[in-house]
């Protein structure tokens, strides 16, 4: 298979000097020029091969360059994609009175107390709000700043704290299920994340804080 090669171009000035030198040598000492030509003939191939660059090496350079350019362009595409996603989210809220929608959502939680339903899901709440699922999700995440679960569980935990203090004979499990959690583990996880303590510790510490002022009052009376 014939191997293609690319040679460096020789500087024209160097070419003229070389030709002039050969001409002078040929005119003055033709025999010497002939002898030198024979002696150097085996080395001509080596001399020219020193200026050779293989196509495989050039292809490697081109491939590296193209990959570098590709990696440089990729972040720009990612930024563009993210900007389109953000614009799409905000376009879902376009034309809505966000404060009015927020108040409507709070009325559903505080007055109708729909958070007590353990079957409450995002589509159900969206139907109550007369909004699309994507629109309600954007309202919660972008305007209110909370996910669906975070928002609903906030009301459930507030109700659970009230019941833990008022219904002292009721079990923690019963209270967790009553406020809308579908299992004790879900209630425990959400309550601990919000209050940095378990429901049992919250109840016991609240009892101690209520008993302490009463004990101090009796000591003063004595």
N, C-alpha and C. Protein backbone atom coordinates (compact mmCIF):
# COMPACT_ATOMS: atom_id res chain seq x y z
N UNK A 1 0.85 -1.19 0.00
CA UNK A 1 0.00 0.00 0.00
C UNK A 1 0.88 1.24 0.00
N UNK A 2 0.58 2.17 -0.88
CA UNK A 2 1.39 3.38 -1.02
C UNK A 2 1.12 4.29 0.16
N UNK A 3 2.17 4.75 0.80
CA UNK A 3 2.03 5.64 1.93
C UNK A 3 2.16 7.07 1.46
N UNK A 4 1.11 7.88 1.79
CA UNK A 4 1.15 9.26 1.40
C UNK A 4 1.94 10.05 2.42
N UNK A 5 2.71 11.00 1.96
CA UNK A 5 3.55 11.79 2.85
C UNK A 5 3.43 13.25 2.50
N UNK A 6 3.69 14.08 3.49
CA UNK A 6 3.68 15.53 3.30
C UNK A 6 5.05 16.04 3.70
N UNK A 7 5.69 16.85 2.87
CA UNK A 7 7.03 17.36 3.13
C UNK A 7 6.96 18.83 3.44
N UNK A 8 7.91 19.23 4.31
CA UNK A 8 8.03 20.66 4.57
C UNK A 8 8.54 21.36 3.32
N UNK A 9 8.04 22.56 3.04
CA UNK A 9 8.53 23.34 1.91
C UNK A 9 9.87 23.98 2.28
N UNK A 10 10.80 23.92 1.32
CA UNK A 10 12.12 24.51 1.55
C UNK A 10 12.06 25.98 1.25
N UNK A 11 12.70 26.79 2.06
CA UNK A 11 12.73 28.23 1.87
C UNK A 11 13.34 28.57 0.51
N UNK A 12 12.70 29.43 -0.30
CA UNK A 12 13.24 29.78 -1.63
C UNK A 12 14.65 30.35 -1.59
N UNK A 13 14.96 31.13 -0.56
CA UNK A 13 16.32 31.70 -0.44
C UNK A 13 17.35 30.59 -0.26
N UNK A 14 16.98 29.60 0.59
CA UNK A 14 17.90 28.49 0.80
C UNK A 14 18.07 27.69 -0.49
N UNK A 15 16.98 27.59 -1.26
CA UNK A 15 17.04 26.86 -2.54
C UNK A 15 18.01 27.54 -3.50
N UNK A 16 17.94 28.86 -3.60
CA UNK A 16 18.83 29.61 -4.50
C UNK A 16 20.29 29.46 -4.10
N UNK A 17 20.53 29.52 -2.79
CA UNK A 17 21.91 29.37 -2.31
C UNK A 17 22.43 27.98 -2.63
N UNK A 18 21.54 26.96 -2.43
CA UNK A 18 21.95 25.58 -2.70
C UNK A 18 22.25 25.38 -4.18
N UNK A 19 21.37 25.92 -5.06
CA UNK A 19 21.58 25.77 -6.50
C UNK A 19 22.86 26.48 -6.95
N UNK A 20 23.09 27.69 -6.39
CA UNK A 20 24.31 28.44 -6.75
C UNK A 20 25.56 27.68 -6.34
N UNK A 21 25.51 27.10 -5.13
CA UNK A 21 26.67 26.35 -4.64
C UNK A 21 26.94 25.14 -5.52
N UNK A 22 25.83 24.45 -5.91
CA UNK A 22 25.99 23.28 -6.77
C UNK A 22 26.55 23.69 -8.13
N UNK A 23 26.05 24.85 -8.66
CA UNK A 23 26.54 25.33 -9.96
C UNK A 23 28.02 25.66 -9.94
N UNK A 24 28.45 26.34 -8.87
CA UNK A 24 29.88 26.69 -8.75
C UNK A 24 30.73 25.43 -8.66
N UNK A 25 30.24 24.47 -7.82
CA UNK A 25 31.00 23.23 -7.65
C UNK A 25 31.04 22.44 -8.95
N UNK A 26 29.92 22.44 -9.69
CA UNK A 26 29.86 21.69 -10.94
C UNK A 26 30.77 22.29 -12.01
N UNK A 27 30.85 23.62 -12.05
CA UNK A 27 31.67 24.27 -13.08
C UNK A 27 33.16 24.20 -12.77
N UNK A 28 33.48 24.23 -11.48
CA UNK A 28 34.90 24.24 -11.11
C UNK A 28 35.47 22.84 -10.92
N UNK A 29 34.69 21.98 -10.27
CA UNK A 29 35.18 20.63 -9.98
C UNK A 29 34.12 19.62 -10.36
N UNK A 30 33.89 19.36 -11.65
CA UNK A 30 32.84 18.41 -12.05
C UNK A 30 33.07 17.00 -11.55
N UNK A 31 34.34 16.60 -11.51
CA UNK A 31 34.65 15.24 -11.05
C UNK A 31 34.34 15.09 -9.56
N UNK A 32 34.71 16.11 -8.78
CA UNK A 32 34.44 16.07 -7.34
C UNK A 32 32.93 16.04 -7.06
N UNK A 33 32.16 16.79 -7.84
CA UNK A 33 30.71 16.81 -7.68
C UNK A 33 30.10 15.44 -7.97
N UNK A 34 30.65 14.78 -9.00
CA UNK A 34 30.16 13.46 -9.38
C UNK A 34 30.43 12.45 -8.27
N UNK A 35 31.65 12.53 -7.68
CA UNK A 35 32.02 11.60 -6.60
C UNK A 35 31.14 11.83 -5.37
N UNK A 36 30.93 13.10 -5.01
CA UNK A 36 30.09 13.40 -3.84
C UNK A 36 28.65 12.93 -4.04
N UNK A 37 28.17 13.06 -5.29
CA UNK A 37 26.82 12.61 -5.58
C UNK A 37 26.66 11.13 -5.36
N UNK A 38 27.67 10.36 -5.80
CA UNK A 38 27.61 8.90 -5.62
C UNK A 38 27.67 8.54 -4.14
N UNK A 39 28.55 9.24 -3.38
CA UNK A 39 28.71 8.93 -1.96
C UNK A 39 27.46 9.26 -1.14
N UNK A 40 26.79 10.34 -1.50
CA UNK A 40 25.63 10.77 -0.73
C UNK A 40 24.31 10.17 -1.20
N UNK A 41 24.34 9.46 -2.34
CA UNK A 41 23.10 8.92 -2.90
C UNK A 41 22.31 8.04 -1.92
N UNK A 42 22.97 7.14 -1.15
CA UNK A 42 22.20 6.30 -0.21
C UNK A 42 21.51 7.09 0.90
N UNK A 43 22.02 8.31 1.14
CA UNK A 43 21.47 9.09 2.25
C UNK A 43 20.35 10.03 1.85
N UNK A 44 20.09 10.11 0.51
CA UNK A 44 19.03 11.05 0.08
C UNK A 44 17.68 10.70 0.71
N UNK A 45 17.38 9.38 0.74
CA UNK A 45 16.09 8.96 1.30
C UNK A 45 15.98 9.32 2.78
N UNK A 46 17.08 9.14 3.51
CA UNK A 46 17.08 9.47 4.94
C UNK A 46 16.93 10.97 5.16
N UNK A 47 17.59 11.77 4.29
CA UNK A 47 17.52 13.22 4.44
C UNK A 47 16.10 13.71 4.25
N UNK A 48 15.42 13.21 3.20
CA UNK A 48 14.06 13.66 2.94
C UNK A 48 13.07 13.10 3.97
N UNK A 49 13.36 11.89 4.48
CA UNK A 49 12.44 11.31 5.46
C UNK A 49 12.45 12.08 6.76
N UNK A 50 13.53 12.83 7.03
CA UNK A 50 13.60 13.63 8.25
C UNK A 50 12.62 14.78 8.22
N UNK A 51 12.15 15.16 6.99
CA UNK A 51 11.18 16.25 6.86
C UNK A 51 9.75 15.74 6.74
N UNK A 52 9.56 14.43 6.92
CA UNK A 52 8.25 13.82 6.64
C UNK A 52 7.36 13.84 7.88
N UNK A 53 6.08 14.13 7.67
CA UNK A 53 5.07 14.05 8.73
C UNK A 53 3.98 13.10 8.26
N UNK A 54 3.75 12.07 9.00
CA UNK A 54 2.78 11.07 8.56
C UNK A 54 1.35 11.60 8.67
N UNK A 55 0.48 11.07 7.80
CA UNK A 55 -0.92 11.48 7.83
C UNK A 55 -1.61 11.07 9.13
N UNK A 56 -1.19 9.94 9.70
CA UNK A 56 -1.82 9.48 10.93
C UNK A 56 -1.61 10.47 12.07
N UNK A 57 -0.41 11.07 12.12
CA UNK A 57 -0.12 12.05 13.17
C UNK A 57 -0.96 13.32 12.98
N UNK A 58 -1.09 13.73 11.70
CA UNK A 58 -1.90 14.91 11.41
C UNK A 58 -3.37 14.67 11.75
N UNK A 59 -3.84 13.44 11.45
CA UNK A 59 -5.23 13.11 11.79
C UNK A 59 -5.46 13.14 13.30
N UNK A 60 -4.44 12.69 14.04
CA UNK A 60 -4.54 12.71 15.50
C UNK A 60 -4.64 14.14 16.01
N UNK A 61 -3.86 15.05 15.42
CA UNK A 61 -3.91 16.46 15.82
C UNK A 61 -5.28 17.06 15.52
N UNK A 62 -5.80 16.76 14.32
CA UNK A 62 -7.11 17.29 13.93
C UNK A 62 -8.22 16.76 14.84
N UNK A 63 -8.12 15.46 15.21
CA UNK A 63 -9.13 14.85 16.07
C UNK A 63 -9.12 15.49 17.45
N UNK A 64 -7.91 15.71 18.00
CA UNK A 64 -7.78 16.34 19.31
C UNK A 64 -8.34 17.76 19.29
N UNK A 65 -8.04 18.48 18.21
CA UNK A 65 -8.52 19.85 18.08
C UNK A 65 -10.05 19.91 18.02
N UNK A 66 -10.65 18.99 17.25
CA UNK A 66 -12.12 18.98 17.11
C UNK A 66 -12.79 18.61 18.42
N UNK A 67 -12.19 17.66 19.19
CA UNK A 67 -12.77 17.28 20.47
C UNK A 67 -12.68 18.42 21.46
N UNK A 68 -11.57 19.18 21.41
CA UNK A 68 -11.42 20.33 22.30
C UNK A 68 -12.48 21.39 22.00
N UNK A 69 -12.71 21.64 20.71
CA UNK A 69 -13.73 22.61 20.32
C UNK A 69 -15.12 22.14 20.75
N UNK A 70 -15.37 20.83 20.64
CA UNK A 70 -16.66 20.28 21.03
C UNK A 70 -16.90 20.46 22.52
N UNK A 71 -15.86 20.19 23.33
CA UNK A 71 -15.99 20.34 24.77
C UNK A 71 -16.15 21.80 25.17
N UNK A 72 -15.59 22.69 24.38
CA UNK A 72 -15.71 24.11 24.68
C UNK A 72 -17.12 24.61 24.39
N UNK A 73 -17.75 24.08 23.37
CA UNK A 73 -19.09 24.51 22.98
C UNK A 73 -20.16 23.91 23.89
N UNK A 74 -19.90 22.72 24.45
CA UNK A 74 -20.90 21.99 25.22
C UNK A 74 -21.48 22.79 26.39
N UNK A 75 -20.64 23.47 27.24
CA UNK A 75 -21.21 24.24 28.34
C UNK A 75 -22.18 25.31 27.87
N UNK A 76 -21.92 25.92 26.71
CA UNK A 76 -22.81 26.94 26.19
C UNK A 76 -24.18 26.33 25.90
N UNK A 77 -24.18 25.10 25.36
CA UNK A 77 -25.45 24.43 25.09
C UNK A 77 -26.18 24.12 26.37
N UNK A 78 -25.42 23.71 27.43
CA UNK A 78 -26.03 23.40 28.71
C UNK A 78 -26.67 24.64 29.32
N UNK A 79 -25.95 25.76 29.27
CA UNK A 79 -26.48 27.02 29.80
C UNK A 79 -27.74 27.41 29.06
N UNK A 80 -27.72 27.26 27.73
CA UNK A 80 -28.89 27.61 26.92
C UNK A 80 -30.08 26.73 27.29
N UNK A 81 -29.82 25.43 27.51
CA UNK A 81 -30.89 24.50 27.88
C UNK A 81 -31.49 24.87 29.22
N UNK A 82 -30.62 25.22 30.20
CA UNK A 82 -31.11 25.60 31.52
C UNK A 82 -31.94 26.87 31.46
N UNK A 83 -31.49 27.84 30.65
CA UNK A 83 -32.22 29.10 30.53
C UNK A 83 -33.60 28.87 29.92
N UNK A 84 -33.69 27.95 28.97
CA UNK A 84 -34.99 27.63 28.36
C UNK A 84 -35.91 27.00 29.39
N UNK A 85 -35.35 26.12 30.26
CA UNK A 85 -36.15 25.47 31.30
C UNK A 85 -36.72 26.49 32.27
N UNK A 86 -35.86 27.45 32.70
CA UNK A 86 -36.31 28.48 33.63
C UNK A 86 -37.40 29.34 33.00
N UNK A 87 -37.21 29.73 31.74
CA UNK A 87 -38.21 30.55 31.05
C UNK A 87 -39.54 29.81 30.94
N UNK A 88 -39.46 28.49 30.71
CA UNK A 88 -40.68 27.69 30.59
C UNK A 88 -41.44 27.66 31.91
N UNK A 89 -40.70 27.54 33.04
CA UNK A 89 -41.35 27.51 34.34
C UNK A 89 -42.09 28.82 34.61
N UNK A 90 -41.40 29.94 34.33
CA UNK A 90 -42.02 31.23 34.59
C UNK A 90 -43.18 31.50 33.63
N UNK A 91 -43.13 30.96 32.43
CA UNK A 91 -44.22 31.16 31.48
C UNK A 91 -45.49 30.47 31.95
N UNK A 92 -45.37 29.41 32.77
CA UNK A 92 -46.55 28.73 33.30
C UNK A 92 -47.32 29.63 34.26
N UNK A 93 -46.62 30.55 34.93
CA UNK A 93 -47.25 31.43 35.91
C UNK A 93 -47.72 32.74 35.30
N UNK A 94 -47.43 32.93 34.03
CA UNK A 94 -47.79 34.18 33.36
C UNK A 94 -49.30 34.37 33.32
N UNK A 95 -49.75 35.54 33.73
CA UNK A 95 -51.18 35.85 33.72
C UNK A 95 -51.90 35.47 35.00
N UNK A 96 -51.21 34.83 35.96
CA UNK A 96 -51.83 34.45 37.22
C UNK A 96 -51.58 35.51 38.28
N UNK A 97 -52.58 35.74 39.12
CA UNK A 97 -52.39 36.58 40.30
C UNK A 97 -51.79 35.67 41.38
N UNK A 98 -50.48 35.73 41.53
CA UNK A 98 -49.79 34.77 42.39
C UNK A 98 -50.19 34.90 43.85
N UNK A 99 -50.37 36.11 44.33
CA UNK A 99 -50.78 36.30 45.72
C UNK A 99 -52.18 35.74 45.96
N UNK A 100 -53.04 35.93 45.01
CA UNK A 100 -54.40 35.40 45.12
C UNK A 100 -54.38 33.88 45.14
N UNK A 101 -53.55 33.27 44.29
CA UNK A 101 -53.44 31.82 44.26
C UNK A 101 -52.85 31.28 45.56
N UNK A 102 -51.90 32.01 46.12
CA UNK A 102 -51.30 31.60 47.39
C UNK A 102 -52.34 31.64 48.51
N UNK A 103 -53.14 32.69 48.56
CA UNK A 103 -54.19 32.81 49.58
C UNK A 103 -55.24 31.71 49.41
N UNK A 104 -55.57 31.39 48.19
CA UNK A 104 -56.53 30.32 47.92
C UNK A 104 -55.99 28.99 48.42
N UNK A 105 -54.70 28.77 48.22
CA UNK A 105 -54.06 27.54 48.68
C UNK A 105 -54.07 27.47 50.20
N UNK A 106 -53.81 28.59 50.85
CA UNK A 106 -53.81 28.62 52.32
C UNK A 106 -55.21 28.39 52.88
N UNK A 107 -56.23 28.89 52.19
CA UNK A 107 -57.61 28.64 52.64
C UNK A 107 -57.95 27.15 52.58
N UNK A 108 -57.49 26.49 51.53
CA UNK A 108 -57.73 25.05 51.43
C UNK A 108 -57.06 24.29 52.57
N UNK A 109 -55.92 24.78 53.03
CA UNK A 109 -55.20 24.11 54.11
C UNK A 109 -55.77 24.47 55.48
N UNK A 110 -55.99 25.75 55.72
CA UNK A 110 -56.39 26.21 57.05
C UNK A 110 -57.88 26.04 57.33
N UNK A 111 -58.72 26.26 56.34
CA UNK A 111 -60.17 26.20 56.56
C UNK A 111 -60.75 24.83 56.20
N UNK A 112 -60.41 24.35 55.03
CA UNK A 112 -60.94 23.04 54.62
C UNK A 112 -60.07 21.88 55.12
N UNK A 113 -58.84 22.22 55.53
CA UNK A 113 -57.92 21.25 56.16
C UNK A 113 -57.74 19.98 55.30
N UNK A 114 -57.55 20.19 54.02
CA UNK A 114 -57.41 19.04 53.12
C UNK A 114 -56.09 18.29 53.33
N UNK A 115 -55.16 18.88 54.08
CA UNK A 115 -53.89 18.19 54.35
C UNK A 115 -54.09 16.95 55.22
N UNK A 116 -55.25 16.85 55.91
CA UNK A 116 -55.52 15.69 56.76
C UNK A 116 -55.78 14.43 55.96
N UNK A 117 -56.06 14.59 54.69
CA UNK A 117 -56.31 13.44 53.82
C UNK A 117 -54.98 12.82 53.41
N UNK A 118 -54.75 11.59 53.84
CA UNK A 118 -53.48 10.93 53.51
C UNK A 118 -53.36 10.59 52.03
N UNK A 119 -54.48 10.62 51.31
CA UNK A 119 -54.47 10.35 49.88
C UNK A 119 -54.24 11.62 49.05
N UNK A 120 -54.00 12.74 49.70
CA UNK A 120 -53.81 14.00 48.98
C UNK A 120 -52.53 13.93 48.14
N UNK A 121 -52.67 14.22 46.86
CA UNK A 121 -51.54 14.22 45.94
C UNK A 121 -51.57 15.52 45.14
N UNK A 122 -50.49 15.77 44.42
CA UNK A 122 -50.38 17.00 43.63
C UNK A 122 -51.53 17.15 42.62
N UNK A 123 -51.89 16.10 41.86
CA UNK A 123 -53.01 16.26 40.92
C UNK A 123 -54.34 16.60 41.61
N UNK A 124 -54.56 16.01 42.81
CA UNK A 124 -55.79 16.30 43.55
C UNK A 124 -55.85 17.75 43.98
N UNK A 125 -54.72 18.24 44.51
CA UNK A 125 -54.66 19.63 44.93
C UNK A 125 -54.78 20.58 43.75
N UNK A 126 -54.18 20.21 42.62
CA UNK A 126 -54.28 21.03 41.41
C UNK A 126 -55.73 21.13 40.95
N UNK A 127 -56.47 20.03 41.08
CA UNK A 127 -57.88 20.04 40.70
C UNK A 127 -58.69 20.96 41.61
N UNK A 128 -58.38 20.95 42.91
CA UNK A 128 -59.05 21.84 43.86
C UNK A 128 -58.73 23.31 43.56
N UNK A 129 -57.52 23.56 43.10
CA UNK A 129 -57.08 24.92 42.77
C UNK A 129 -57.53 25.36 41.39
N UNK A 130 -58.04 24.39 40.60
CA UNK A 130 -58.41 24.64 39.19
C UNK A 130 -57.21 25.13 38.38
N UNK A 131 -56.09 24.46 38.63
CA UNK A 131 -54.85 24.73 37.90
C UNK A 131 -54.33 23.42 37.33
N UNK A 132 -53.46 23.53 36.33
CA UNK A 132 -52.80 22.32 35.83
C UNK A 132 -51.76 21.86 36.84
N UNK A 133 -51.37 20.61 36.75
CA UNK A 133 -50.37 20.06 37.66
C UNK A 133 -49.05 20.82 37.53
N UNK A 134 -48.65 21.12 36.29
CA UNK A 134 -47.38 21.83 36.07
C UNK A 134 -47.45 23.26 36.61
N UNK A 135 -48.60 23.88 36.47
CA UNK A 135 -48.76 25.25 36.94
C UNK A 135 -48.70 25.30 38.47
N UNK A 136 -49.37 24.36 39.14
CA UNK A 136 -49.34 24.31 40.61
C UNK A 136 -47.93 24.01 41.10
N UNK A 137 -47.25 23.10 40.42
CA UNK A 137 -45.87 22.77 40.79
C UNK A 137 -44.97 24.00 40.68
N UNK A 138 -45.16 24.79 39.62
CA UNK A 138 -44.36 26.01 39.45
C UNK A 138 -44.71 27.04 40.52
N UNK A 139 -45.99 27.13 40.88
CA UNK A 139 -46.42 28.05 41.93
C UNK A 139 -45.76 27.71 43.26
N UNK A 140 -45.75 26.43 43.59
CA UNK A 140 -45.15 25.98 44.85
C UNK A 140 -43.64 26.17 44.86
N UNK A 141 -43.00 25.71 43.81
CA UNK A 141 -41.54 25.72 43.78
C UNK A 141 -40.94 27.09 43.53
N UNK A 142 -41.51 27.84 42.57
CA UNK A 142 -40.90 29.09 42.15
C UNK A 142 -41.39 30.29 42.96
N UNK A 143 -42.67 30.31 43.33
CA UNK A 143 -43.21 31.47 44.05
C UNK A 143 -43.19 31.28 45.56
N UNK A 144 -43.68 30.13 46.02
CA UNK A 144 -43.71 29.87 47.46
C UNK A 144 -42.37 29.35 47.95
N UNK A 145 -41.65 28.64 47.10
CA UNK A 145 -40.31 28.18 47.46
C UNK A 145 -40.28 26.84 48.18
N UNK A 146 -41.31 26.02 48.00
CA UNK A 146 -41.36 24.72 48.65
C UNK A 146 -41.92 23.69 47.68
N UNK A 147 -41.50 22.45 47.86
CA UNK A 147 -42.08 21.37 47.07
C UNK A 147 -43.47 21.04 47.60
N UNK A 148 -44.20 20.22 46.86
CA UNK A 148 -45.54 19.83 47.30
C UNK A 148 -45.51 19.16 48.67
N UNK A 149 -44.61 18.18 48.84
CA UNK A 149 -44.52 17.45 50.11
C UNK A 149 -44.11 18.36 51.26
N UNK A 150 -43.15 19.25 51.01
CA UNK A 150 -42.71 20.17 52.05
C UNK A 150 -43.86 21.08 52.50
N UNK A 151 -44.60 21.56 51.53
CA UNK A 151 -45.70 22.49 51.85
C UNK A 151 -46.80 21.80 52.65
N UNK A 152 -47.24 20.63 52.20
CA UNK A 152 -48.33 19.92 52.88
C UNK A 152 -47.89 19.42 54.25
N UNK A 153 -46.67 18.87 54.33
CA UNK A 153 -46.19 18.33 55.61
C UNK A 153 -46.00 19.41 56.66
N UNK A 154 -45.77 20.64 56.22
CA UNK A 154 -45.65 21.75 57.16
C UNK A 154 -46.94 21.93 57.96
N UNK A 155 -48.08 21.83 57.30
CA UNK A 155 -49.38 21.94 57.98
C UNK A 155 -49.65 20.70 58.83
N UNK A 156 -49.26 19.55 58.35
CA UNK A 156 -49.46 18.32 59.11
C UNK A 156 -48.66 18.33 60.41
N UNK A 157 -47.43 18.79 60.35
CA UNK A 157 -46.58 18.82 61.54
C UNK A 157 -47.09 19.85 62.54
N UNK A 158 -47.55 21.00 62.06
CA UNK A 158 -48.12 22.01 62.95
C UNK A 158 -49.33 21.46 63.70
N UNK A 159 -50.17 20.72 63.00
CA UNK A 159 -51.34 20.10 63.64
C UNK A 159 -50.92 19.00 64.60
N UNK A 160 -49.90 18.24 64.25
CA UNK A 160 -49.41 17.17 65.12
C UNK A 160 -48.84 17.74 66.42
N UNK A 161 -48.12 18.84 66.35
CA UNK A 161 -47.56 19.48 67.55
C UNK A 161 -48.68 19.91 68.49
N UNK A 162 -49.73 20.43 67.92
CA UNK A 162 -50.88 20.86 68.73
C UNK A 162 -51.54 19.66 69.42
N UNK A 163 -51.70 18.57 68.68
CA UNK A 163 -52.35 17.38 69.24
C UNK A 163 -51.46 16.69 70.27
N UNK A 164 -50.15 16.70 70.06
CA UNK A 164 -49.24 16.08 71.02
C UNK A 164 -49.33 16.74 72.39
N UNK A 165 -49.59 18.03 72.42
CA UNK A 165 -49.68 18.76 73.69
C UNK A 165 -51.08 18.69 74.30
N UNK A 166 -52.10 18.68 73.45
CA UNK A 166 -53.47 18.71 73.96
C UNK A 166 -54.02 17.32 74.25
N UNK A 167 -53.67 16.34 73.45
CA UNK A 167 -54.19 14.98 73.63
C UNK A 167 -53.07 14.10 74.18
N UNK A 168 -52.77 14.28 75.44
CA UNK A 168 -51.60 13.64 76.06
C UNK A 168 -51.74 12.12 76.15
N UNK A 169 -52.95 11.62 76.16
CA UNK A 169 -53.16 10.17 76.27
C UNK A 169 -53.19 9.48 74.91
N UNK A 170 -53.11 10.24 73.86
CA UNK A 170 -53.16 9.66 72.51
C UNK A 170 -51.75 9.28 72.07
N UNK A 171 -51.61 8.14 71.40
CA UNK A 171 -50.29 7.67 70.99
C UNK A 171 -49.74 8.51 69.85
N UNK A 172 -48.41 8.50 69.74
CA UNK A 172 -47.74 9.25 68.67
C UNK A 172 -48.15 8.70 67.31
N UNK A 173 -48.26 7.38 67.19
CA UNK A 173 -48.66 6.76 65.93
C UNK A 173 -50.05 7.23 65.52
N UNK A 174 -50.97 7.24 66.47
CA UNK A 174 -52.35 7.65 66.18
C UNK A 174 -52.41 9.10 65.71
N UNK A 175 -51.61 9.94 66.33
CA UNK A 175 -51.58 11.36 65.94
C UNK A 175 -50.99 11.52 64.55
N UNK A 176 -49.92 10.79 64.27
CA UNK A 176 -49.29 10.87 62.96
C UNK A 176 -50.23 10.49 61.83
N UNK A 177 -51.01 9.42 62.06
CA UNK A 177 -51.97 8.98 61.05
C UNK A 177 -53.14 9.96 60.94
N UNK A 178 -53.51 10.56 62.07
CA UNK A 178 -54.65 11.47 62.08
C UNK A 178 -54.38 12.75 61.30
N UNK A 179 -53.12 13.19 61.26
CA UNK A 179 -52.80 14.46 60.59
C UNK A 179 -52.48 14.27 59.11
N UNK A 180 -52.52 13.02 58.63
CA UNK A 180 -52.37 12.81 57.19
C UNK A 180 -51.19 11.97 56.73
N UNK A 181 -50.30 11.59 57.65
CA UNK A 181 -49.19 10.73 57.25
C UNK A 181 -49.69 9.29 57.13
N UNK A 182 -49.18 8.56 56.15
CA UNK A 182 -49.69 7.21 55.90
C UNK A 182 -48.92 6.13 56.65
N UNK A 183 -47.90 6.51 57.42
CA UNK A 183 -47.16 5.53 58.22
C UNK A 183 -46.42 6.26 59.34
N UNK A 184 -46.05 5.49 60.37
CA UNK A 184 -45.31 6.07 61.49
C UNK A 184 -43.93 6.54 61.05
N UNK A 185 -43.28 5.76 60.17
CA UNK A 185 -41.93 6.12 59.72
C UNK A 185 -41.94 7.43 58.93
N UNK A 186 -42.97 7.64 58.11
CA UNK A 186 -43.07 8.89 57.35
C UNK A 186 -43.29 10.07 58.29
N UNK A 187 -44.13 9.87 59.31
CA UNK A 187 -44.39 10.92 60.30
C UNK A 187 -43.12 11.24 61.09
N UNK A 188 -42.44 10.19 61.55
CA UNK A 188 -41.23 10.37 62.35
C UNK A 188 -40.15 11.09 61.55
N UNK A 189 -39.96 10.69 60.30
CA UNK A 189 -38.94 11.30 59.45
C UNK A 189 -39.22 12.79 59.20
N UNK A 190 -40.44 13.11 58.86
CA UNK A 190 -40.79 14.50 58.56
C UNK A 190 -40.76 15.38 59.81
N UNK A 191 -41.26 14.85 60.92
CA UNK A 191 -41.30 15.62 62.17
C UNK A 191 -39.87 15.90 62.66
N UNK A 192 -39.02 14.89 62.63
CA UNK A 192 -37.64 15.05 63.09
C UNK A 192 -36.87 16.03 62.21
N UNK A 193 -37.10 15.97 60.92
CA UNK A 193 -36.43 16.89 59.99
C UNK A 193 -36.85 18.33 60.25
N UNK A 194 -38.11 18.53 60.58
CA UNK A 194 -38.63 19.88 60.80
C UNK A 194 -38.27 20.43 62.18
N UNK A 195 -38.40 19.60 63.22
CA UNK A 195 -38.25 20.08 64.60
C UNK A 195 -36.92 19.69 65.24
N UNK A 196 -36.12 18.89 64.53
CA UNK A 196 -34.81 18.43 65.05
C UNK A 196 -34.96 17.62 66.34
N UNK A 197 -36.09 16.97 66.51
CA UNK A 197 -36.34 16.08 67.63
C UNK A 197 -37.54 15.19 67.28
N UNK A 198 -37.63 14.07 67.96
CA UNK A 198 -38.73 13.15 67.68
C UNK A 198 -40.02 13.67 68.31
N UNK A 199 -41.18 13.17 67.87
CA UNK A 199 -42.44 13.59 68.49
C UNK A 199 -42.50 13.30 69.99
N UNK A 200 -41.95 12.17 70.42
CA UNK A 200 -41.96 11.82 71.84
C UNK A 200 -41.14 12.81 72.66
N UNK A 201 -39.96 13.18 72.15
CA UNK A 201 -39.13 14.15 72.87
C UNK A 201 -39.80 15.51 72.90
N UNK A 202 -40.44 15.87 71.81
CA UNK A 202 -41.16 17.15 71.78
C UNK A 202 -42.24 17.18 72.85
N UNK A 203 -42.97 16.09 72.98
CA UNK A 203 -44.05 16.02 73.98
C UNK A 203 -43.49 16.06 75.40
N UNK A 204 -42.45 15.27 75.67
CA UNK A 204 -41.89 15.20 77.03
C UNK A 204 -41.24 16.52 77.43
N UNK A 205 -40.53 17.16 76.52
CA UNK A 205 -39.89 18.44 76.83
C UNK A 205 -40.92 19.53 77.06
N UNK A 206 -42.00 19.47 76.32
CA UNK A 206 -43.07 20.46 76.51
C UNK A 206 -43.72 20.29 77.88
N UNK A 207 -43.89 19.05 78.33
CA UNK A 207 -44.45 18.78 79.66
C UNK A 207 -43.54 19.34 80.75
N UNK A 208 -42.23 19.12 80.60
CA UNK A 208 -41.28 19.60 81.59
C UNK A 208 -41.28 21.12 81.66
N UNK A 209 -41.36 21.76 80.50
CA UNK A 209 -41.36 23.23 80.48
C UNK A 209 -42.62 23.79 81.11
N UNK A 210 -43.74 23.05 81.05
CA UNK A 210 -44.98 23.50 81.66
C UNK A 210 -44.99 23.25 83.16
N UNK A 211 -44.32 22.17 83.61
CA UNK A 211 -44.29 21.84 85.03
C UNK A 211 -43.31 22.70 85.80
N UNK A 212 -42.25 23.17 85.16
CA UNK A 212 -41.21 23.92 85.84
C UNK A 212 -41.72 25.22 86.46
N UNK A 213 -42.47 26.06 85.77
CA UNK A 213 -42.99 27.28 86.40
C UNK A 213 -43.91 26.98 87.58
N UNK A 214 -44.71 25.90 87.49
CA UNK A 214 -45.61 25.54 88.59
C UNK A 214 -44.82 25.15 89.82
N UNK A 215 -43.74 24.38 89.65
CA UNK A 215 -42.91 23.97 90.77
C UNK A 215 -42.23 25.17 91.41
N UNK A 216 -41.76 26.09 90.59
CA UNK A 216 -41.11 27.29 91.12
C UNK A 216 -42.10 28.13 91.92
N UNK A 217 -43.38 28.15 91.51
CA UNK A 217 -44.40 28.91 92.22
C UNK A 217 -44.65 28.31 93.61
N UNK A 218 -44.68 26.97 93.70
CA UNK A 218 -44.89 26.32 94.99
C UNK A 218 -43.73 26.58 95.92
N UNK A 219 -42.50 26.63 95.41
CA UNK A 219 -41.34 26.90 96.24
C UNK A 219 -41.40 28.31 96.81
N UNK A 220 -41.85 29.24 96.02
CA UNK A 220 -41.96 30.62 96.49
C UNK A 220 -43.01 30.73 97.59
N UNK A 221 -44.14 30.00 97.45
CA UNK A 221 -45.21 30.04 98.44
C UNK A 221 -44.73 29.51 99.79
N UNK A 222 -43.87 28.46 99.75
CA UNK A 222 -43.35 27.90 101.01
C UNK A 222 -42.43 28.90 101.69
